[in-house]
Amino acid sequence: MSLLNSRGRGDLMARILVETPTKLTKEQRAILEQYRETETGDECPASKGFFARARKIFEG
């Protein structure tokens, strides 16, 4: 990001908040399961195992 009144560049800092639902209805859970069945793992290689962790949370 450009510095004010300068030719130099500075750092851009961003804060990202991700809210994870804790209570799902049966319909919401079914939709999430349908999505999981279509996922191959190649979509987001850095987040492999996401649904394994999510499943553990919702089953526990």
C-alpha atoms as a PDB file:
ATOM      1  CA  MET A   1       0.000   0.000   0.000  1.00  0.00           C
ATOM      2  CA  SER A   2       1.263   3.492  -0.790  1.00  0.00           C
ATOM      3  CA  LEU A   3       2.426   5.659   2.085  1.00  0.00           C
ATOM      4  CA  LEU A   4       0.627   8.975   2.451  1.00  0.00           C
ATOM      5  CA  ASN A   5       2.551  11.876   0.851  1.00  0.00           C
ATOM      6  CA  SER A   6       5.398   9.578  -0.186  1.00  0.00           C
ATOM      7  CA  ARG A   7       6.611   7.506  -3.103  1.00  0.00           C
ATOM      8  CA  GLY A   8       7.432   4.511  -0.941  1.00  0.00           C
ATOM      9  CA  ARG A   9       5.277   1.572  -0.153  1.00  0.00           C
ATOM     10  CA  GLY A  10       4.303   0.232   3.236  1.00  0.00           C
ATOM     11  CA  ASP A  11       2.783  -2.953   4.601  1.00  0.00           C
ATOM     12  CA  LEU A  12      -0.861  -3.820   4.300  1.00  0.00           C
ATOM     13  CA  MET A  13      -2.232  -5.596   7.318  1.00  0.00           C
ATOM     14  CA  ALA A  14      -5.626  -7.268   7.267  1.00  0.00           C
ATOM     15  CA  ARG A  15      -7.607  -8.959   9.974  1.00  0.00           C
ATOM     16  CA  ILE A  16      -9.924 -11.768   8.911  1.00  0.00           C
ATOM     17  CA  LEU A  17     -12.583 -13.121  11.228  1.00  0.00           C
ATOM     18  CA  VAL A  18     -14.144 -16.475  10.407  1.00  0.00           C
ATOM     19  CA  GLU A  19     -17.258 -17.480  12.284  1.00  0.00           C
ATOM     20  CA  THR A  20     -17.956 -21.198  12.462  1.00  0.00           C
ATOM     21  CA  PRO A  21     -21.566 -22.220  13.102  1.00  0.00           C
ATOM     22  CA  THR A  22     -21.998 -24.276  16.244  1.00  0.00           C
ATOM     23  CA  LYS A  23     -25.611 -25.376  15.824  1.00  0.00           C
ATOM     24  CA  LEU A  24     -26.973 -26.603  12.495  1.00  0.00           C
ATOM     25  CA  THR A  25     -30.472 -27.692  11.603  1.00  0.00           C
ATOM     26  CA  LYS A  26     -30.944 -31.122  10.054  1.00  0.00           C
ATOM     27  CA  GLU A  27     -31.386 -29.501   6.642  1.00  0.00           C
ATOM     28  CA  GLN A  28     -28.200 -27.429   6.992  1.00  0.00           C
ATOM     29  CA  ARG A  29     -26.249 -30.482   8.086  1.00  0.00           C
ATOM     30  CA  ALA A  30     -27.578 -32.485   5.124  1.00  0.00           C
ATOM     31  CA  ILE A  31     -26.519 -29.738   2.705  1.00  0.00           C
ATOM     32  CA  LEU A  32     -23.053 -29.643   4.255  1.00  0.00           C
ATOM     33  CA  GLU A  33     -22.790 -33.423   3.930  1.00  0.00           C
ATOM     34  CA  GLN A  34     -23.814 -33.193   0.249  1.00  0.00           C
ATOM     35  CA  TYR A  35     -21.061 -30.660  -0.329  1.00  0.00           C
ATOM     36  CA  ARG A  36     -18.539 -32.877   1.451  1.00  0.00           C
ATOM     37  CA  GLU A  37     -19.372 -35.770  -0.866  1.00  0.00           C
ATOM     38  CA  THR A  38     -18.487 -33.663  -3.918  1.00  0.00           C
ATOM     39  CA  GLU A  39     -15.166 -32.413  -2.540  1.00  0.00           C
ATOM     40  CA  THR A  40     -12.073 -34.101  -3.973  1.00  0.00           C
ATOM     41  CA  GLY A  41      -9.448 -32.405  -1.783  1.00  0.00           C
ATOM     42  CA  ASP A  42      -7.776 -30.758  -4.765  1.00  0.00           C
ATOM     43  CA  GLU A  43      -9.826 -27.558  -4.420  1.00  0.00           C
ATOM     44  CA  CYS A  44      -7.843 -26.243  -1.458  1.00  0.00           C
ATOM     45  CA  PRO A  45      -4.711 -28.308  -0.857  1.00  0.00           C
ATOM     46  CA  ALA A  46      -3.669 -26.230   2.149  1.00  0.00           C
ATOM     47  CA  SER A  47      -6.867 -27.086   4.007  1.00  0.00           C
ATOM     48  CA  LYS A  48      -6.914 -30.846   3.517  1.00  0.00           C
ATOM     49  CA  GLY A  49      -8.719 -32.538   6.337  1.00  0.00           C
ATOM     50  CA  PHE A  50     -11.166 -29.692   6.989  1.00  0.00           C
ATOM     51  CA  PHE A  51     -14.234 -31.887   6.779  1.00  0.00           C
ATOM     52  CA  ALA A  52     -12.592 -34.535   8.913  1.00  0.00           C
ATOM     53  CA  ARG A  53     -12.155 -31.912  11.650  1.00  0.00           C
ATOM     54  CA  ALA A  54     -15.655 -30.504  11.103  1.00  0.00           C
ATOM     55  CA  ARG A  55     -17.184 -33.974  11.260  1.00  0.00           C
ATOM     56  CA  LYS A  56     -15.410 -34.596  14.563  1.00  0.00           C
ATOM     57  CA  ILE A  57     -16.889 -31.377  15.999  1.00  0.00           C
ATOM     58  CA  PHE A  58     -20.467 -32.108  14.889  1.00  0.00           C
ATOM     59  CA  GLU A  59     -20.440 -35.795  15.849  1.00  0.00           C
ATOM     60  CA  GLY A  60     -18.881 -35.218  19.256  1.00  0.00           C
END
